[in-house]
Structures are given as C-alpha cells and as structure tokens.
Amino acid sequence: MNRRVFVQGLGAMVTAGTVRQESRMYGLIGKMTATPGSRDALTALLLEGTAAMPGCLSYVVSHDTTEPDAIWITEVWDNEASHKGSLSLPAVQAVIAKARPLIAGFSNRVVTSPVGGVGLR
C-alpha cells in the first residue's frame, strides 16, 4: 500500500473516531548535535541506512538554521514496536557505529502520536 494513501486513510479514520489505541502511529522528534564541523558527514550517515526500515512511514533529517552543528530528526512509524525493531537492523547498527564519533549529544527528544498528514517517502 502506498504510504501516502495509508497516512491519509488513517487520518480520516482518526477524524471519524474509528482508530483504536493499539493502531496508533508512533512519532519521534529529536535534536542531535554533531561534533564541531562534522554536521554534513553525520547527516550523510543518518541518511545512509534508511531505505529498508519496515514500518517507517517518514524519516526526515533537517539542518538547524541557527546552530551550525545541530540536526533535527523527525520520524513517523506505524507503531512503537516497528521503531524499536529498527534499532536492531544490521544496516542501522552499522550506521550507529560509524556515527558515534561524530555525535556530541542529543536533546529535545519528544515522543508524538501522529494522526495524519503526507508522507515524504
């Protein structure tokens, strides 16, 4: 099923009040700070292993416009279990290992409950 159709359909179900608690999407928004001067390299790594993440409806990596080393990551998953499962995928583990030396810190992590919208993939 096309992700856009899925998200739009789910949004309509939420509006109509027909979505049950267990079928809610899971979202994360977080800020990552790269070590000085390594934001572009870290961004490239974050985008490297994203093609095959089952259950991922949207994964967006953005550069902060006011902080030269800051990156914002916005994720939407079909459910929380899919997100947790993605962390054990070999491609994701490989990216995490390569990215660790380029990460200065994490902040502003927010868990969300997406209800609709348009997917980017």
N, C-alpha and C. Protein backbone atom coordinates (compact mmCIF):
# COMPACT_ATOMS: atom_id res chain seq x y z
N MET A 1 0.84 -1.18 0.00
CA MET A 1 0.00 0.00 0.00
C MET A 1 0.88 1.24 0.00
N ASN A 2 0.52 2.20 -0.79
CA ASN A 2 1.22 3.48 -0.84
C ASN A 2 1.15 4.15 0.53
N ARG A 3 2.30 4.62 1.02
CA ARG A 3 2.33 5.25 2.35
C ARG A 3 1.43 6.46 2.43
N ARG A 4 1.40 7.26 1.38
CA ARG A 4 0.56 8.47 1.38
C ARG A 4 -0.90 8.09 1.54
N VAL A 5 -1.35 7.05 0.82
CA VAL A 5 -2.73 6.59 0.93
C VAL A 5 -2.99 6.08 2.34
N PHE A 6 -2.04 5.33 2.89
CA PHE A 6 -2.18 4.82 4.24
C PHE A 6 -2.32 5.94 5.26
N VAL A 7 -1.43 6.93 5.19
CA VAL A 7 -1.45 8.03 6.16
C VAL A 7 -2.74 8.84 6.01
N GLN A 8 -3.15 9.12 4.77
CA GLN A 8 -4.39 9.88 4.57
C GLN A 8 -5.59 9.09 5.07
N GLY A 9 -5.61 7.80 4.78
CA GLY A 9 -6.71 6.96 5.26
C GLY A 9 -6.76 6.87 6.77
N LEU A 10 -5.59 6.74 7.38
CA LEU A 10 -5.54 6.68 8.84
C LEU A 10 -5.99 8.01 9.42
N GLY A 11 -5.58 9.13 8.78
CA GLY A 11 -6.03 10.44 9.24
C GLY A 11 -7.55 10.56 9.20
N ALA A 12 -8.16 10.05 8.15
CA ALA A 12 -9.62 10.09 8.04
C ALA A 12 -10.27 9.23 9.12
N MET A 13 -9.65 8.08 9.42
CA MET A 13 -10.20 7.22 10.48
C MET A 13 -10.11 7.91 11.84
N VAL A 14 -9.00 8.61 12.09
CA VAL A 14 -8.86 9.32 13.35
C VAL A 14 -9.94 10.39 13.47
N THR A 15 -10.14 11.14 12.38
CA THR A 15 -11.16 12.19 12.37
C THR A 15 -12.53 11.59 12.64
N ALA A 16 -12.79 10.42 12.10
CA ALA A 16 -14.08 9.78 12.29
C ALA A 16 -14.18 9.06 13.62
N GLY A 17 -13.08 8.98 14.36
CA GLY A 17 -13.09 8.33 15.67
C GLY A 17 -13.06 6.83 15.62
N THR A 18 -12.54 6.25 14.52
CA THR A 18 -12.57 4.79 14.39
C THR A 18 -11.23 4.12 14.63
N VAL A 19 -10.20 4.86 15.00
CA VAL A 19 -8.89 4.25 15.24
C VAL A 19 -8.81 3.79 16.70
N ARG A 20 -8.42 2.56 16.88
CA ARG A 20 -8.26 2.03 18.23
C ARG A 20 -6.87 2.37 18.75
N GLN A 21 -6.71 2.39 20.04
CA GLN A 21 -5.45 2.76 20.69
C GLN A 21 -4.26 1.99 20.15
N GLU A 22 -4.39 0.68 19.94
CA GLU A 22 -3.24 -0.13 19.55
C GLU A 22 -2.79 0.11 18.10
N SER A 23 -3.59 0.79 17.30
CA SER A 23 -3.19 1.03 15.92
C SER A 23 -2.61 2.42 15.71
N ARG A 24 -2.35 3.15 16.78
CA ARG A 24 -1.81 4.50 16.64
C ARG A 24 -0.38 4.48 16.14
N MET A 25 -0.10 5.47 15.32
CA MET A 25 1.27 5.63 14.84
C MET A 25 2.14 6.16 15.99
N TYR A 26 3.43 6.02 15.82
CA TYR A 26 4.41 6.43 16.82
C TYR A 26 5.36 7.42 16.17
N GLY A 27 5.60 8.54 16.82
CA GLY A 27 6.48 9.54 16.26
C GLY A 27 7.55 9.98 17.23
N LEU A 28 8.66 10.44 16.68
CA LEU A 28 9.76 10.97 17.47
C LEU A 28 10.29 12.22 16.78
N ILE A 29 10.62 13.21 17.58
CA ILE A 29 11.31 14.40 17.09
C ILE A 29 12.46 14.63 18.05
N GLY A 30 13.67 14.74 17.53
CA GLY A 30 14.82 14.91 18.40
C GLY A 30 15.90 15.76 17.76
N LYS A 31 16.66 16.37 18.62
CA LYS A 31 17.77 17.21 18.16
C LYS A 31 19.08 16.49 18.48
N MET A 32 19.93 16.39 17.47
CA MET A 32 21.24 15.78 17.62
C MET A 32 22.27 16.87 17.33
N THR A 33 23.30 16.91 18.13
CA THR A 33 24.37 17.88 17.88
C THR A 33 25.62 17.13 17.44
N ALA A 34 26.14 17.54 16.29
CA ALA A 34 27.36 16.93 15.75
C ALA A 34 28.57 17.56 16.41
N THR A 35 29.67 16.84 16.40
CA THR A 35 30.92 17.43 16.85
C THR A 35 31.24 18.59 15.89
N PRO A 36 31.94 19.62 16.35
CA PRO A 36 32.19 20.80 15.51
C PRO A 36 32.74 20.44 14.13
N GLY A 37 32.04 20.96 13.12
CA GLY A 37 32.48 20.77 11.74
C GLY A 37 32.09 19.46 11.09
N SER A 38 31.37 18.58 11.79
CA SER A 38 31.07 17.27 11.21
C SER A 38 29.59 17.07 10.89
N ARG A 39 28.81 18.16 10.87
CA ARG A 39 27.37 18.00 10.65
C ARG A 39 27.07 17.36 9.29
N ASP A 40 27.74 17.77 8.23
CA ASP A 40 27.45 17.20 6.92
C ASP A 40 27.77 15.71 6.86
N ALA A 41 28.88 15.32 7.46
CA ALA A 41 29.26 13.91 7.47
C ALA A 41 28.27 13.09 8.30
N LEU A 42 27.84 13.63 9.43
CA LEU A 42 26.87 12.93 10.27
C LEU A 42 25.52 12.84 9.55
N THR A 43 25.12 13.90 8.89
CA THR A 43 23.87 13.89 8.14
C THR A 43 23.90 12.80 7.07
N ALA A 44 24.99 12.70 6.35
CA ALA A 44 25.12 11.67 5.31
C ALA A 44 24.97 10.27 5.90
N LEU A 45 25.57 10.06 7.06
CA LEU A 45 25.44 8.75 7.72
C LEU A 45 24.00 8.48 8.15
N LEU A 46 23.34 9.49 8.70
CA LEU A 46 21.96 9.32 9.15
C LEU A 46 21.03 8.95 8.00
N LEU A 47 21.35 9.40 6.82
CA LEU A 47 20.52 9.10 5.65
C LEU A 47 20.92 7.80 4.95
N GLU A 48 22.08 7.26 5.32
CA GLU A 48 22.64 6.09 4.64
C GLU A 48 21.80 4.82 4.78
N GLY A 49 21.37 4.50 5.98
CA GLY A 49 20.72 3.21 6.22
C GLY A 49 19.22 3.28 6.35
N THR A 50 18.58 4.21 5.65
CA THR A 50 17.15 4.41 5.88
C THR A 50 16.24 3.76 4.86
N ALA A 51 16.77 3.15 3.83
CA ALA A 51 15.92 2.63 2.75
C ALA A 51 15.03 1.47 3.20
N ALA A 52 15.53 0.59 4.02
CA ALA A 52 14.77 -0.61 4.38
C ALA A 52 14.51 -0.67 5.88
N MET A 53 13.62 0.20 6.35
CA MET A 53 13.23 0.18 7.75
C MET A 53 11.73 -0.13 7.80
N PRO A 54 11.38 -1.41 7.97
CA PRO A 54 9.97 -1.81 7.97
C PRO A 54 9.17 -1.02 9.00
N GLY A 55 8.04 -0.50 8.56
CA GLY A 55 7.16 0.25 9.46
C GLY A 55 7.44 1.73 9.51
N CYS A 56 8.53 2.18 8.88
CA CYS A 56 8.87 3.60 8.87
C CYS A 56 8.05 4.29 7.79
N LEU A 57 7.21 5.24 8.20
CA LEU A 57 6.37 5.98 7.27
C LEU A 57 7.02 7.27 6.82
N SER A 58 7.87 7.83 7.69
CA SER A 58 8.56 9.08 7.36
C SER A 58 9.80 9.21 8.24
N TYR A 59 10.91 9.58 7.63
CA TYR A 59 12.17 9.79 8.35
C TYR A 59 12.82 11.00 7.70
N VAL A 60 12.85 12.11 8.42
CA VAL A 60 13.34 13.36 7.86
C VAL A 60 14.50 13.88 8.70
N VAL A 61 15.61 14.16 8.03
CA VAL A 61 16.78 14.73 8.68
C VAL A 61 16.90 16.17 8.20
N SER A 62 16.96 17.12 9.15
CA SER A 62 16.98 18.54 8.80
C SER A 62 18.12 19.24 9.51
N HIS A 63 18.70 20.22 8.85
CA HIS A 63 19.73 21.05 9.48
C HIS A 63 19.05 22.22 10.19
N ASP A 64 19.48 22.49 11.41
CA ASP A 64 19.00 23.65 12.15
C ASP A 64 19.53 24.90 11.45
N THR A 65 18.71 25.91 11.32
CA THR A 65 19.13 27.12 10.59
C THR A 65 19.88 28.11 11.47
N THR A 66 19.89 27.88 12.79
CA THR A 66 20.56 28.83 13.69
C THR A 66 21.77 28.25 14.40
N GLU A 67 21.87 26.93 14.46
CA GLU A 67 23.00 26.27 15.13
C GLU A 67 23.76 25.44 14.10
N PRO A 68 25.01 25.79 13.82
CA PRO A 68 25.75 25.15 12.73
C PRO A 68 26.05 23.66 12.91
N ASP A 69 25.94 23.14 14.12
CA ASP A 69 26.21 21.72 14.35
C ASP A 69 24.96 20.92 14.69
N ALA A 70 23.79 21.56 14.66
CA ALA A 70 22.55 20.90 15.09
C ALA A 70 21.79 20.27 13.93
N ILE A 71 21.22 19.09 14.20
CA ILE A 71 20.42 18.32 13.25
C ILE A 71 19.13 17.94 13.96
N TRP A 72 18.01 18.09 13.28
CA TRP A 72 16.71 17.65 13.79
C TRP A 72 16.28 16.41 13.02
N ILE A 73 15.81 15.41 13.74
CA ILE A 73 15.34 14.17 13.12
C ILE A 73 13.87 14.00 13.50
N THR A 74 13.04 13.83 12.48
CA THR A 74 11.61 13.64 12.67
C THR A 74 11.23 12.29 12.08
N GLU A 75 10.63 11.44 12.89
CA GLU A 75 10.29 10.09 12.45
C GLU A 75 8.82 9.81 12.70
N VAL A 76 8.20 9.06 11.77
CA VAL A 76 6.85 8.55 11.97
C VAL A 76 6.87 7.07 11.62
N TRP A 77 6.37 6.27 12.55
CA TRP A 77 6.36 4.81 12.41
C TRP A 77 4.93 4.31 12.50
N ASP A 78 4.68 3.14 11.93
CA ASP A 78 3.34 2.58 12.03
C ASP A 78 2.98 2.23 13.47
N ASN A 79 4.00 1.93 14.28
CA ASN A 79 3.78 1.70 15.71
C ASN A 79 5.14 1.71 16.43
N GLU A 80 5.10 1.74 17.74
CA GLU A 80 6.33 1.81 18.53
C GLU A 80 7.21 0.57 18.37
N ALA A 81 6.58 -0.58 18.23
CA ALA A 81 7.36 -1.82 18.08
C ALA A 81 8.22 -1.79 16.81
N SER A 82 7.70 -1.22 15.74
CA SER A 82 8.50 -1.11 14.50
C SER A 82 9.72 -0.24 14.72
N HIS A 83 9.55 0.86 15.45
CA HIS A 83 10.69 1.73 15.74
C HIS A 83 11.74 0.98 16.55
N LYS A 84 11.31 0.33 17.62
CA LYS A 84 12.26 -0.42 18.45
C LYS A 84 12.95 -1.51 17.65
N GLY A 85 12.21 -2.19 16.78
CA GLY A 85 12.80 -3.25 15.96
C GLY A 85 13.83 -2.72 14.98
N SER A 86 13.63 -1.50 14.51
CA SER A 86 14.57 -0.93 13.54
C SER A 86 15.96 -0.76 14.14
N LEU A 87 16.02 -0.54 15.43
CA LEU A 87 17.32 -0.30 16.08
C LEU A 87 18.21 -1.54 16.08
N SER A 88 17.63 -2.71 15.82
CA SER A 88 18.45 -3.93 15.78
C SER A 88 18.78 -4.37 14.35
N LEU A 89 18.31 -3.64 13.35
CA LEU A 89 18.63 -3.99 11.97
C LEU A 89 20.12 -3.82 11.72
N PRO A 90 20.76 -4.74 11.01
CA PRO A 90 22.20 -4.64 10.75
C PRO A 90 22.60 -3.31 10.10
N ALA A 91 21.83 -2.82 9.13
CA ALA A 91 22.18 -1.55 8.47
C ALA A 91 22.13 -0.39 9.45
N VAL A 92 21.14 -0.40 10.32
CA VAL A 92 21.00 0.68 11.32
C VAL A 92 22.13 0.58 12.34
N GLN A 93 22.46 -0.62 12.78
CA GLN A 93 23.56 -0.82 13.72
C GLN A 93 24.89 -0.34 13.13
N ALA A 94 25.09 -0.61 11.85
CA ALA A 94 26.33 -0.18 11.19
C ALA A 94 26.42 1.35 11.15
N VAL A 95 25.31 2.01 10.86
CA VAL A 95 25.29 3.48 10.84
C VAL A 95 25.56 4.04 12.23
N ILE A 96 24.94 3.44 13.23
CA ILE A 96 25.14 3.90 14.61
C ILE A 96 26.62 3.81 14.98
N ALA A 97 27.26 2.71 14.63
CA ALA A 97 28.68 2.53 14.95
C ALA A 97 29.55 3.59 14.26
N LYS A 98 29.25 3.89 12.98
CA LYS A 98 30.03 4.89 12.26
C LYS A 98 29.75 6.30 12.77
N ALA A 99 28.51 6.54 13.20
CA ALA A 99 28.11 7.90 13.59
C ALA A 99 28.56 8.29 14.99
N ARG A 100 28.72 7.33 15.89
CA ARG A 100 29.05 7.64 17.29
C ARG A 100 30.16 8.68 17.47
N PRO A 101 31.29 8.56 16.78
CA PRO A 101 32.37 9.54 16.98
C PRO A 101 32.01 10.95 16.52
N LEU A 102 30.97 11.08 15.70
CA LEU A 102 30.58 12.40 15.18
C LEU A 102 29.48 13.06 16.00
N ILE A 103 28.97 12.37 17.00
CA ILE A 103 27.84 12.88 17.79
C ILE A 103 28.35 13.50 19.09
N ALA A 104 28.03 14.77 19.27
CA ALA A 104 28.40 15.48 20.51
C ALA A 104 27.31 15.34 21.56
N GLY A 105 26.06 15.14 21.14
CA GLY A 105 24.98 15.00 22.11
C GLY A 105 23.61 14.94 21.49
N PHE A 106 22.63 14.64 22.35
CA PHE A 106 21.21 14.58 21.99
C PHE A 106 20.44 15.47 22.93
N SER A 107 19.37 16.07 22.45
CA SER A 107 18.50 16.86 23.32
C SER A 107 17.12 17.00 22.68
N ASN A 108 16.21 17.53 23.43
CA ASN A 108 14.87 17.85 22.93
C ASN A 108 14.12 16.66 22.34
N ARG A 109 14.32 15.47 22.86
CA ARG A 109 13.61 14.28 22.34
C ARG A 109 12.16 14.33 22.79
N VAL A 110 11.26 14.24 21.81
CA VAL A 110 9.83 14.27 22.09
C VAL A 110 9.17 13.10 21.39
N VAL A 111 8.36 12.35 22.12
CA VAL A 111 7.57 11.28 21.53
C VAL A 111 6.22 11.87 21.16
N THR A 112 5.75 11.58 19.94
CA THR A 112 4.48 12.10 19.47
C THR A 112 3.55 10.97 19.06
N SER A 113 2.29 11.29 18.88
CA SER A 113 1.29 10.35 18.39
C SER A 113 0.68 10.94 17.11
N PRO A 114 1.34 10.71 15.96
CA PRO A 114 0.86 11.28 14.70
C PRO A 114 -0.58 10.82 14.39
N VAL A 115 -1.35 11.72 13.81
CA VAL A 115 -2.73 11.40 13.48
C VAL A 115 -3.05 11.56 11.99
N GLY A 116 -2.12 12.07 11.20
CA GLY A 116 -2.36 12.21 9.77
C GLY A 116 -1.33 13.11 9.13
N GLY A 117 -1.44 13.27 7.84
CA GLY A 117 -0.51 14.12 7.10
C GLY A 117 -0.08 13.45 5.82
N VAL A 118 1.00 13.95 5.25
CA VAL A 118 1.51 13.45 3.98
C VAL A 118 2.91 12.90 4.20
N GLY A 119 3.17 11.68 3.79
CA GLY A 119 4.48 11.07 3.94
C GLY A 119 5.46 11.62 2.91
N LEU A 120 6.73 11.54 3.25
CA LEU A 120 7.77 12.05 2.36
C LEU A 120 8.39 10.95 1.51
N ARG A 121 8.13 9.68 1.80
CA ARG A 121 8.73 8.60 1.03
C ARG A 121 7.64 7.81 0.36
